[in-house]
C-alpha atoms as a PDB file:
ATOM      1  CA  UNK A   1     115.417  83.766   8.732  1.00  0.00           C
ATOM      2  CA  UNK A   2     117.496  80.746   7.729  1.00  0.00           C
ATOM      3  CA  UNK A   3     114.656  79.350   5.581  1.00  0.00           C
ATOM      4  CA  UNK A   4     115.635  81.772   2.809  1.00  0.00           C
ATOM      5  CA  UNK A   5     118.786  79.737   2.168  1.00  0.00           C
ATOM      6  CA  UNK A   6     117.103  76.346   2.312  1.00  0.00           C
ATOM      7  CA  UNK A   7     117.314  74.376  -0.952  1.00  0.00           C
ATOM      8  CA  UNK A   8     114.413  72.413  -2.296  1.00  0.00           C
ATOM      9  CA  UNK A   9     115.017  68.711  -1.845  1.00  0.00           C
ATOM     10  CA  UNK A  10     114.252  66.257  -4.631  1.00  0.00           C
ATOM     11  CA  UNK A  11     112.035  63.475  -3.230  1.00  0.00           C
ATOM     12  CA  UNK A  12     114.095  60.289  -2.884  1.00  0.00           C
ATOM     13  CA  UNK A  13     111.654  58.279  -5.012  1.00  0.00           C
ATOM     14  CA  UNK A  14     112.057  60.724  -7.910  1.00  0.00           C
ATOM     15  CA  UNK A  15     115.866  60.762  -7.867  1.00  0.00           C
ATOM     16  CA  UNK A  16     117.397  59.108 -10.944  1.00  0.00           C
ATOM     17  CA  UNK A  17     120.319  56.705 -10.687  1.00  0.00           C
ATOM     18  CA  UNK A  18     123.282  59.082 -10.842  1.00  0.00           C
ATOM     19  CA  UNK A  19     126.873  58.386 -11.810  1.00  0.00           C
ATOM     20  CA  UNK A  20     129.666  58.513  -9.224  1.00  0.00           C
ATOM     21  CA  UNK A  21     130.637  62.123  -9.973  1.00  0.00           C
ATOM     22  CA  UNK A  22     127.147  63.297 -10.975  1.00  0.00           C
ATOM     23  CA  UNK A  23     125.129  65.629  -8.752  1.00  0.00           C
ATOM     24  CA  UNK A  24     121.697  67.253  -8.906  1.00  0.00           C
ATOM     25  CA  UNK A  25     121.851  71.029  -9.502  1.00  0.00           C
ATOM     26  CA  UNK A  26     118.134  71.731 -10.098  1.00  0.00           C
ATOM     27  CA  UNK A  27     114.840  69.934 -10.516  1.00  0.00           C
ATOM     28  CA  UNK A  28     111.236  70.750 -11.306  1.00  0.00           C
ATOM     29  CA  UNK A  29     107.909  69.025 -11.036  1.00  0.00           C
ATOM     30  CA  UNK A  30     106.224  68.343 -14.352  1.00  0.00           C
ATOM     31  CA  UNK A  31     102.755  67.234 -15.393  1.00  0.00           C
ATOM     32  CA  UNK A  32     101.690  63.689 -14.667  1.00  0.00           C
ATOM     33  CA  UNK A  33     103.670  63.469 -11.408  1.00  0.00           C
ATOM     34  CA  UNK A  34     106.921  63.513 -13.430  1.00  0.00           C
ATOM     35  CA  UNK A  35     110.084  65.468 -12.691  1.00  0.00           C
ATOM     36  CA  UNK A  36     112.853  67.019 -14.756  1.00  0.00           C
ATOM     37  CA  UNK A  37     116.232  66.667 -13.064  1.00  0.00           C
ATOM     38  CA  UNK A  38     119.250  68.751 -14.073  1.00  0.00           C
ATOM     39  CA  UNK A  39     122.679  67.415 -13.120  1.00  0.00           C
ATOM     40  CA  UNK A  40     126.201  68.541 -13.838  1.00  0.00           C
ATOM     41  CA  UNK A  41     126.276  65.908 -16.646  1.00  0.00           C
ATOM     42  CA  UNK A  42     122.918  66.424 -18.323  1.00  0.00           C
ATOM     43  CA  UNK A  43     119.150  66.551 -17.994  1.00  0.00           C
ATOM     44  CA  UNK A  44     116.869  63.677 -17.024  1.00  0.00           C
ATOM     45  CA  UNK A  45     113.540  64.053 -18.805  1.00  0.00           C
ATOM     46  CA  UNK A  46     110.343  62.168 -17.891  1.00  0.00           C
ATOM     47  CA  UNK A  47     110.364  58.552 -19.048  1.00  0.00           C
ATOM     48  CA  UNK A  48     114.054  58.569 -20.003  1.00  0.00           C
ATOM     49  CA  UNK A  49     116.265  55.633 -19.011  1.00  0.00           C
ATOM     50  CA  UNK A  50     119.339  57.884 -19.092  1.00  0.00           C
ATOM     51  CA  UNK A  51     120.034  61.609 -19.200  1.00  0.00           C
ATOM     52  CA  UNK A  52     120.650  63.698 -22.275  1.00  0.00           C
ATOM     53  CA  UNK A  53     124.223  64.952 -21.996  1.00  0.00           C
ATOM     54  CA  UNK A  54     124.734  68.685 -22.403  1.00  0.00           C
ATOM     55  CA  UNK A  55     126.816  67.990 -25.503  1.00  0.00           C
ATOM     56  CA  UNK A  56     123.870  66.125 -27.070  1.00  0.00           C
ATOM     57  CA  UNK A  57     121.410  69.018 -26.858  1.00  0.00           C
ATOM     58  CA  UNK A  58     121.223  71.078 -30.032  1.00  0.00           C
ATOM     59  CA  UNK A  59     118.560  73.492 -28.845  1.00  0.00           C
ATOM     60  CA  UNK A  60     116.504  74.166 -25.722  1.00  0.00           C
ATOM     61  CA  UNK A  61     113.740  76.758 -25.425  1.00  0.00           C
ATOM     62  CA  UNK A  62     111.597  77.978 -22.559  1.00  0.00           C
ATOM     63  CA  UNK A  63     108.148  79.470 -23.111  1.00  0.00           C
ATOM     64  CA  UNK A  64     107.179  80.271 -19.524  1.00  0.00           C
ATOM     65  CA  UNK A  65     105.652  76.849 -18.767  1.00  0.00           C
ATOM     66  CA  UNK A  66     107.049  74.531 -21.395  1.00  0.00           C
ATOM     67  CA  UNK A  67     110.624  73.373 -21.778  1.00  0.00           C
ATOM     68  CA  UNK A  68     111.408  72.114 -25.279  1.00  0.00           C
ATOM     69  CA  UNK A  69     114.630  70.150 -25.740  1.00  0.00           C
ATOM     70  CA  UNK A  70     115.930  69.162 -29.166  1.00  0.00           C
ATOM     71  CA  UNK A  71     118.676  66.586 -28.963  1.00  0.00           C
ATOM     72  CA  UNK A  72     120.897  65.561 -31.839  1.00  0.00           C
ATOM     73  CA  UNK A  73     121.775  62.092 -33.065  1.00  0.00           C
ATOM     74  CA  UNK A  74     124.805  61.011 -35.005  1.00  0.00           C
ATOM     75  CA  UNK A  75     124.413  60.155 -38.681  1.00  0.00           C
ATOM     76  CA  UNK A  76     126.809  57.354 -39.629  1.00  0.00           C
ATOM     77  CA  UNK A  77     129.363  58.614 -42.163  1.00  0.00           C
ATOM     78  CA  UNK A  78     132.542  56.841 -41.094  1.00  0.00           C
ATOM     79  CA  UNK A  79     134.798  59.846 -40.402  1.00  0.00           C
ATOM     80  CA  UNK A  80     136.798  59.657 -37.159  1.00  0.00           C
ATOM     81  CA  UNK A  81     137.689  63.380 -37.113  1.00  0.00           C
ATOM     82  CA  UNK A  82     134.086  64.517 -36.542  1.00  0.00           C
ATOM     83  CA  UNK A  83     130.502  63.297 -36.258  1.00  0.00           C
ATOM     84  CA  UNK A  84     127.675  64.434 -38.541  1.00  0.00           C
ATOM     85  CA  UNK A  85     124.606  65.313 -36.495  1.00  0.00           C
ATOM     86  CA  UNK A  86     120.889  65.710 -37.188  1.00  0.00           C
ATOM     87  CA  UNK A  87     118.019  66.726 -34.928  1.00  0.00           C
ATOM     88  CA  UNK A  88     115.778  64.269 -33.124  1.00  0.00           C
ATOM     89  CA  UNK A  89     112.151  65.305 -32.636  1.00  0.00           C
ATOM     90  CA  UNK A  90     111.851  67.860 -29.815  1.00  0.00           C
ATOM     91  CA  UNK A  91     110.754  66.706 -26.368  1.00  0.00           C
ATOM     92  CA  UNK A  92     108.330  69.149 -24.746  1.00  0.00           C
ATOM     93  CA  UNK A  93     107.670  69.056 -21.000  1.00  0.00           C
ATOM     94  CA  UNK A  94     105.294  71.300 -19.061  1.00  0.00           C
ATOM     95  CA  UNK A  95     106.930  72.355 -15.807  1.00  0.00           C
ATOM     96  CA  UNK A  96     104.571  73.050 -12.905  1.00  0.00           C
ATOM     97  CA  UNK A  97     107.224  74.758 -10.791  1.00  0.00           C
ATOM     98  CA  UNK A  98     110.236  75.472 -13.027  1.00  0.00           C
ATOM     99  CA  UNK A  99     112.487  76.829 -10.251  1.00  0.00           C
ATOM    100  CA  UNK A 100     116.029  77.068 -11.738  1.00  0.00           C
ATOM    101  CA  UNK A 101     115.628  74.334 -14.386  1.00  0.00           C
ATOM    102  CA  UNK A 102     115.272  76.592 -17.489  1.00  0.00           C
ATOM    103  CA  UNK A 103     118.219  78.763 -16.404  1.00  0.00           C
ATOM    104  CA  UNK A 104     120.454  75.768 -15.649  1.00  0.00           C
ATOM    105  CA  UNK A 105     119.613  74.073 -18.965  1.00  0.00           C
ATOM    106  CA  UNK A 106     120.516  77.260 -20.884  1.00  0.00           C
ATOM    107  CA  UNK A 107     123.735  77.864 -18.954  1.00  0.00           C
ATOM    108  CA  UNK A 108     124.952  74.271 -19.172  1.00  0.00           C
ATOM    109  CA  UNK A 109     124.166  73.792 -22.867  1.00  0.00           C
ATOM    110  CA  UNK A 110     125.996  77.050 -23.636  1.00  0.00           C
ATOM    111  CA  UNK A 111     128.967  76.059 -21.442  1.00  0.00           C
ATOM    112  CA  UNK A 112     129.323  72.788 -23.356  1.00  0.00           C
ATOM    113  CA  UNK A 113     130.107  74.720 -26.557  1.00  0.00           C
ATOM    114  CA  UNK A 114     133.797  75.567 -26.906  1.00  0.00           C
ATOM    115  CA  UNK A 115     133.699  76.444 -30.618  1.00  0.00           C
ATOM    116  CA  UNK A 116     131.008  77.091 -33.199  1.00  0.00           C
ATOM    117  CA  UNK A 117     131.371  78.477 -36.708  1.00  0.00           C
ATOM    118  CA  UNK A 118     129.251  78.382 -39.864  1.00  0.00           C
ATOM    119  CA  UNK A 119     130.806  78.075 -43.315  1.00  0.00           C
ATOM    120  CA  UNK A 120     129.251  78.381 -46.784  1.00  0.00           C
ATOM    121  CA  UNK A 121     130.021  75.444 -49.068  1.00  0.00           C
ATOM    122  CA  UNK A 122     129.067  76.818 -52.479  1.00  0.00           C
ATOM    123  CA  UNK A 123     132.303  78.648 -53.330  1.00  0.00           C
ATOM    124  CA  UNK A 124     134.485  75.554 -52.797  1.00  0.00           C
ATOM    125  CA  UNK A 125     132.152  72.648 -53.583  1.00  0.00           C
ATOM    126  CA  UNK A 126     129.389  74.176 -55.707  1.00  0.00           C
ATOM    127  CA  UNK A 127     126.821  72.921 -53.166  1.00  0.00           C
ATOM    128  CA  UNK A 128     124.296  75.510 -51.973  1.00  0.00           C
ATOM    129  CA  UNK A 129     124.104  75.840 -48.223  1.00  0.00           C
ATOM    130  CA  UNK A 130     126.656  75.495 -45.495  1.00  0.00           C
ATOM    131  CA  UNK A 131     127.954  73.543 -42.562  1.00  0.00           C
ATOM    132  CA  UNK A 132     128.230  74.399 -38.877  1.00  0.00           C
ATOM    133  CA  UNK A 133     131.344  73.084 -37.117  1.00  0.00           C
ATOM    134  CA  UNK A 134     131.025  72.670 -33.347  1.00  0.00           C
ATOM    135  CA  UNK A 135     133.485  71.607 -30.652  1.00  0.00           C
ATOM    136  CA  UNK A 136     131.677  70.474 -27.473  1.00  0.00           C
ATOM    137  CA  UNK A 137     132.857  69.625 -23.980  1.00  0.00           C
ATOM    138  CA  UNK A 138     131.725  66.210 -22.755  1.00  0.00           C
ATOM    139  CA  UNK A 139     131.701  65.558 -18.990  1.00  0.00           C
ATOM    140  CA  UNK A 140     134.430  63.103 -17.996  1.00  0.00           C
ATOM    141  CA  UNK A 141     136.178  63.253 -21.380  1.00  0.00           C
ATOM    142  CA  UNK A 142     139.433  65.084 -22.108  1.00  0.00           C
ATOM    143  CA  UNK A 143     139.412  67.299 -25.179  1.00  0.00           C
ATOM    144  CA  UNK A 144     136.453  68.270 -27.327  1.00  0.00           C
ATOM    145  CA  UNK A 145     133.950  66.247 -29.325  1.00  0.00           C
ATOM    146  CA  UNK A 146     133.817  67.655 -32.851  1.00  0.00           C
ATOM    147  CA  UNK A 147     130.541  67.598 -34.736  1.00  0.00           C
ATOM    148  CA  UNK A 148     129.142  69.111 -37.900  1.00  0.00           C
ATOM    149  CA  UNK A 149     125.594  69.970 -38.871  1.00  0.00           C
ATOM    150  CA  UNK A 150     124.782  70.589 -42.514  1.00  0.00           C
ATOM    151  CA  UNK A 151     122.189  73.157 -43.528  1.00  0.00           C
ATOM    152  CA  UNK A 152     118.899  71.725 -44.726  1.00  0.00           C
ATOM    153  CA  UNK A 153     119.209  70.448 -48.293  1.00  0.00           C
ATOM    154  CA  UNK A 154     122.982  69.877 -48.204  1.00  0.00           C
ATOM    155  CA  UNK A 155     123.983  66.381 -49.312  1.00  0.00           C
ATOM    156  CA  UNK A 156     127.067  65.341 -47.304  1.00  0.00           C
ATOM    157  CA  UNK A 157     127.861  62.765 -50.025  1.00  0.00           C
ATOM    158  CA  UNK A 158     128.057  65.419 -52.783  1.00  0.00           C
ATOM    159  CA  UNK A 159     131.493  65.690 -54.418  1.00  0.00           C
ATOM    160  CA  UNK A 160     133.951  67.682 -52.345  1.00  0.00           C
ATOM    161  CA  UNK A 161     131.661  68.212 -49.332  1.00  0.00           C
ATOM    162  CA  UNK A 162     133.268  65.632 -47.003  1.00  0.00           C
ATOM    163  CA  UNK A 163     136.787  66.739 -47.950  1.00  0.00           C
ATOM    164  CA  UNK A 164     136.021  70.427 -47.416  1.00  0.00           C
ATOM    165  CA  UNK A 165     134.232  69.646 -44.147  1.00  0.00           C
ATOM    166  CA  UNK A 166     137.306  67.745 -42.897  1.00  0.00           C
ATOM    167  CA  UNK A 167     139.453  70.805 -43.722  1.00  0.00           C
ATOM    168  CA  UNK A 168     137.055  73.087 -41.848  1.00  0.00           C
ATOM    169  CA  UNK A 169     137.110  70.818 -38.780  1.00  0.00           C
ATOM    170  CA  UNK A 170     140.927  70.700 -38.884  1.00  0.00           C
ATOM    171  CA  UNK A 171     140.989  74.513 -39.140  1.00  0.00           C
ATOM    172  CA  UNK A 172     138.605  74.832 -36.166  1.00  0.00           C
ATOM    173  CA  UNK A 173     140.673  72.400 -34.077  1.00  0.00           C
ATOM    174  CA  UNK A 174     143.840  74.379 -34.756  1.00  0.00           C
ATOM    175  CA  UNK A 175     142.102  77.617 -33.711  1.00  0.00           C
ATOM    176  CA  UNK A 176     141.145  76.359 -30.248  1.00  0.00           C
ATOM    177  CA  UNK A 177     144.449  74.657 -29.565  1.00  0.00           C
ATOM    178  CA  UNK A 178     143.111  71.122 -29.707  1.00  0.00           C
ATOM    179  CA  UNK A 179     145.020  68.322 -31.374  1.00  0.00           C
ATOM    180  CA  UNK A 180     143.167  65.160 -32.403  1.00  0.00           C
END
């Protein structure tokens, strides 16, 4: 009767080196004797030296056996008010026994997003396309991390784009009650 409430235990040899306030919330066996480990801070994928933080994941999809995670990387632009992001290649892992991993990845990525809004740029800058402004929660950090992602084909260096983007980020910050 009590076995119903028993949690699966991650084998000690498969446990990644966790931070002081980091804890395992789900895990799943993957192909090749690998594991995917979900913590309150992020997801440890096979072969990774460190986890992907929830705030770093742009998109995650589940197809019934395969978990696909697309992380973002920062593009250097030199603005302190926000970071410009672009996608890394997706990482696809086949889960043999997914358990709660897909659900926890979805929930935790979504919970990291405090604000998201998309804005067309053409009317103000003459540039076709738009920009998505996102405020994300980062574990262990007060406040939000502000990022932008330009639509495909938008040149962030085009006249007026950086200035208008800074205004949009400032507007978004004021709408969620965040200063700085």
